[in-house]
Protein backbone atom coordinates (compact mmCIF):
# COMPACT_ATOMS: atom_id res chain seq x y z
CA MET A 1 0.00 0.00 0.00
CA GLU A 2 1.60 3.24 -1.15
CA VAL A 3 1.05 6.08 1.31
CA GLN A 4 1.99 9.73 0.82
CA ARG A 5 2.92 12.21 3.54
CA LEU A 6 0.92 15.34 4.19
CA LYS A 7 1.96 18.02 6.67
CA ALA A 8 -0.73 19.27 9.05
CA SER A 9 -0.83 21.88 11.78
CA ILE A 10 -2.93 22.03 14.93
CA ARG A 11 -5.46 24.87 14.87
CA GLU A 12 -6.94 26.51 17.91
CA GLU A 13 -9.49 28.88 16.37
CA THR A 14 -12.88 27.68 15.18
CA GLY A 15 -15.86 29.33 13.51
CA LYS A 16 -16.69 30.80 10.12
CA ASN A 17 -14.45 33.89 10.21
CA PRO A 18 -11.23 32.07 11.17
CA ALA A 19 -12.07 29.41 8.55
CA ARG A 20 -12.43 32.08 5.86
CA ARG A 21 -9.06 33.57 6.82
CA LEU A 22 -7.43 30.16 6.59
CA ARG A 23 -8.87 29.49 3.13
CA SER A 24 -7.81 32.93 1.88
CA SER A 25 -4.24 32.09 2.92
CA GLY A 26 -4.22 28.80 1.02
CA LEU A 27 -5.08 26.51 3.93
CA THR A 28 -7.96 24.08 4.38
CA PRO A 29 -9.56 23.49 7.79
CA ALA A 30 -9.64 19.80 8.66
CA VAL A 31 -10.30 17.42 11.52
CA LEU A 32 -8.71 14.09 12.47
CA TYR A 33 -10.64 11.48 14.46
CA GLY A 34 -10.83 7.73 14.93
CA SER A 35 -12.27 4.93 17.04
CA LYS A 36 -9.49 5.47 19.58
CA THR A 37 -8.50 9.02 18.59
CA PRO A 38 -9.95 12.15 20.18
CA SER A 39 -10.96 14.75 17.60
CA ILE A 40 -8.05 17.02 16.60
CA LYS A 41 -8.61 20.22 14.62
CA LEU A 42 -6.05 20.74 11.85
CA THR A 43 -5.08 22.83 8.86
CA VAL A 44 -3.44 21.46 5.70
CA GLN A 45 -2.10 23.09 2.56
CA ALA A 46 -5.08 23.22 0.19
CA ALA A 47 -3.07 22.90 -3.03
CA GLU A 48 -1.09 19.91 -1.73
CA LEU A 49 -4.18 18.06 -0.50
CA LYS A 50 -6.12 18.77 -3.69
CA LYS A 51 -3.26 17.44 -5.82
CA MET A 52 -3.11 14.26 -3.76
CA LEU A 53 -6.87 13.74 -3.98
CA LEU A 54 -6.75 14.09 -7.76
CA THR A 55 -3.90 11.61 -8.18
CA ARG A 56 -4.97 9.08 -5.56
CA GLY A 57 -8.49 8.48 -6.82
CA ASN A 58 -10.96 6.97 -4.36
CA LYS A 59 -8.36 5.39 -2.12
CA LYS A 60 -7.01 8.37 -0.18
CA PHE A 61 -4.51 7.31 2.47
CA PHE A 62 -1.98 9.68 4.01
CA HIS A 63 0.62 9.82 6.71
CA LEU A 64 -0.47 13.00 8.46
CA VAL A 65 2.68 14.62 9.82
CA LEU A 66 1.76 16.65 12.93
CA GLU A 67 3.95 19.08 14.81
CA ARG A 68 2.83 19.19 18.44
CA ASP A 69 4.69 20.33 21.58
CA GLY A 70 7.96 20.35 19.70
CA LYS A 71 7.54 16.75 18.58
CA THR A 72 6.60 15.23 15.24
CA GLU A 73 3.87 12.58 15.06
CA GLU A 74 2.81 10.54 12.02
CA LYS A 75 -0.72 9.19 11.87
CA LEU A 76 -1.85 6.83 9.11
CA SER A 77 -5.17 8.26 7.98
CA MET A 78 -7.72 8.12 5.22
CA VAL A 79 -9.92 10.88 3.87
CA LYS A 80 -13.47 10.07 4.91
CA GLN A 81 -15.05 13.16 3.42
CA PHE A 82 -14.12 16.44 1.81
CA GLU A 83 -16.14 19.42 0.67
CA VAL A 84 -15.45 21.50 -2.45
CA HIS A 85 -17.08 24.83 -3.30
CA PRO A 86 -19.36 24.21 -6.33
CA LEU A 87 -18.40 27.46 -8.08
CA THR A 88 -14.79 28.20 -7.12
CA ASP A 89 -13.60 24.57 -6.79
CA GLN A 90 -11.97 25.61 -3.50
CA LEU A 91 -11.47 22.95 -0.82
CA ILE A 92 -13.75 23.93 2.05
CA HIS A 93 -13.08 21.20 4.61
CA ALA A 94 -11.64 17.70 4.98
CA ASP A 95 -12.26 14.90 7.48
CA PHE A 96 -9.43 12.45 8.19
CA TYR A 97 -9.95 9.12 9.96
CA GLU A 98 -7.00 7.52 11.75
CA VAL A 99 -6.47 3.98 10.49
CA ASP A 100 -5.80 1.02 12.77
CA MET A 101 -3.55 -1.46 10.94
CA ASN A 102 -5.28 -4.31 12.79
CA ARG A 103 -8.81 -3.35 11.78
CA LYS A 104 -10.37 -3.82 8.36
CA VAL A 105 -11.41 -0.79 6.33
CA THR A 106 -13.89 -0.55 3.47
CA VAL A 107 -12.86 1.57 0.48
CA GLU A 108 -13.39 1.78 -3.26
CA VAL A 109 -10.47 1.05 -5.59
CA PRO A 110 -10.32 1.69 -9.34
CA VAL A 111 -10.84 -1.02 -11.94
CA HIS A 112 -8.12 -1.32 -14.60
CA ILE A 113 -9.01 -3.05 -17.89
CA GLN A 114 -6.30 -5.23 -19.44
CA GLY A 115 -6.26 -6.36 -23.06
CA THR A 116 -8.80 -6.20 -25.86
CA ALA A 117 -11.81 -8.51 -25.76
CA LEU A 118 -12.38 -11.02 -28.58
CA GLY A 119 -15.87 -9.60 -28.92
CA VAL A 120 -14.50 -6.09 -29.47
CA GLU A 121 -12.16 -7.39 -32.17
CA MET A 122 -15.27 -8.86 -33.86
CA GLY A 123 -16.99 -5.47 -33.81
CA GLY A 124 -18.68 -5.58 -30.39
CA GLU A 125 -18.64 -2.69 -27.94
CA LEU A 126 -17.08 -2.73 -24.48
CA LEU A 127 -19.44 -1.35 -21.84
CA GLN A 128 -17.83 -0.74 -18.46
CA HIS A 129 -20.58 -0.57 -15.86
CA LYS A 130 -18.29 -0.11 -12.85
CA ARG A 131 -15.06 1.87 -12.76
CA SER A 132 -14.36 1.07 -9.13
CA LEU A 133 -15.15 -1.75 -6.71
CA LYS A 134 -15.87 -1.62 -3.00
CA ILE A 135 -13.53 -3.86 -1.04
CA SER A 136 -12.78 -4.69 2.60
CA SER A 137 -9.38 -5.64 3.99
CA LEU A 138 -6.71 -4.77 6.48
CA PRO A 139 -4.88 -1.58 5.44
CA GLY A 140 -1.69 -3.49 4.69
CA ASN A 141 -3.47 -5.68 2.12
CA LEU A 142 -5.23 -2.93 0.18
CA PRO A 143 -4.40 -3.09 -3.55
CA GLU A 144 -3.80 0.05 -5.59
CA ARG A 145 -6.30 -1.20 -8.19
CA ILE A 146 -8.17 -4.27 -9.45
CA ASP A 147 -6.86 -5.57 -12.78
CA LEU A 148 -9.38 -7.23 -15.14
CA ASP A 149 -8.17 -9.34 -18.06
CA ILE A 150 -11.01 -9.17 -20.61
CA ARG A 151 -9.25 -10.72 -23.62
CA LYS A 152 -11.40 -13.90 -23.67
CA LEU A 153 -14.76 -12.15 -23.51
CA LYS A 154 -16.98 -12.69 -26.55
CA VAL A 155 -19.96 -10.69 -27.76
CA GLY A 156 -22.82 -11.00 -25.28
CA GLU A 157 -20.55 -12.05 -22.41
CA SER A 158 -19.91 -10.14 -19.21
CA LEU A 159 -17.48 -10.20 -16.34
CA LYS A 160 -19.23 -10.13 -12.98
CA VAL A 161 -17.86 -9.47 -9.50
CA LYS A 162 -18.07 -13.20 -8.66
CA ASP A 163 -15.84 -13.95 -11.68
CA ILE A 164 -12.98 -11.77 -10.40
CA PRO A 165 -10.27 -13.43 -8.28
CA ALA A 166 -9.95 -11.42 -5.07
CA PRO A 167 -6.42 -10.45 -4.02
CA GLU A 168 -5.15 -12.14 -0.85
CA GLY A 169 -6.89 -10.83 2.24
CA VAL A 170 -9.43 -8.82 0.22
CA THR A 171 -13.22 -9.26 0.20
CA PHE A 172 -15.42 -7.75 -2.50
CA MET A 173 -18.39 -5.91 -1.00
CA ASP A 174 -20.36 -5.47 -4.24
CA GLY A 175 -22.93 -8.15 -5.09
CA GLY A 176 -21.52 -11.17 -6.91
CA ASP A 177 -23.95 -10.84 -9.83
CA VAL A 178 -23.07 -7.20 -10.47
CA ALA A 179 -21.64 -6.88 -14.00
CA VAL A 180 -18.41 -4.92 -14.19
CA VAL A 181 -17.95 -5.08 -17.97
CA PHE A 182 -20.15 -6.33 -20.82
CA ILE A 183 -19.46 -6.86 -24.52
CA ALA A 184 -22.50 -5.55 -26.35
CA MET A 185 -23.71 -6.62 -29.78
CA THR A 186 -23.40 -3.98 -32.51
CA ARG A 187 -24.28 -3.90 -36.19
CA ALA A 188 -20.65 -4.56 -37.03
CA ALA A 189 -20.61 -7.62 -34.75
CA MET A 190 -23.88 -8.89 -36.26
CA LYS A 191 -22.49 -8.50 -39.77
CA ALA A 192 -19.28 -10.33 -38.81
CA ALA A 193 -21.33 -13.20 -37.37
CA ASP A 194 -23.54 -13.34 -40.49
CA ASP A 195 -20.50 -13.34 -42.78
CA LYS A 196 -18.95 -16.13 -40.76
CA GLY A 197 -22.15 -18.17 -40.97
CA THR A 198 -22.44 -17.56 -44.70
CA ALA A 199 -18.84 -18.62 -45.26
CA ALA A 200 -19.38 -21.79 -43.23
CA ALA A 201 -22.53 -22.64 -45.20
CA GLY A 202 -20.73 -22.08 -48.48
CA ALA A 203 -17.88 -24.31 -47.43
CA GLY A 204 -20.41 -27.06 -46.56
């Protein structure tokens, strides 16, 4: 599990006016909490957090680096929620949850398609119904992504959650019959099938 570091500072002030001042200076108000962690009010660099959120997709884990009482602490955390202004795209707030390495977490990870399906080569169309999958595992077992090899799929065939081998220590939380990808019939695929049938009949 790849984890990036993000510097955070303890904040004392609360309320709308202090929050506005923080945002105007390039900071985002945040809070860190957990099952065994008292709530801690923080600030983080807005540009740095936004860049990490954009590059990390739905799986947002960070080592929060805190300076407190002259000492540096690192807390493995995940972003539970963040708020973005609908007009300015400014980060308004972020919630971090401290992760216990001995407790399972549930997150969504991206789906990565590998290869070209046989059905697509015959003129079919690849329909990807899910671009991420919900999984549960210990933090140390979380994969960066789920790779799907679709090369054997023919027209009319799908790849469902129950067809995907789960990485070690990982449980899929989506229903087993949920289709992730499907190779749809198109006019080109129908023509290719008709031509193949015609050729076979002529050879007979």
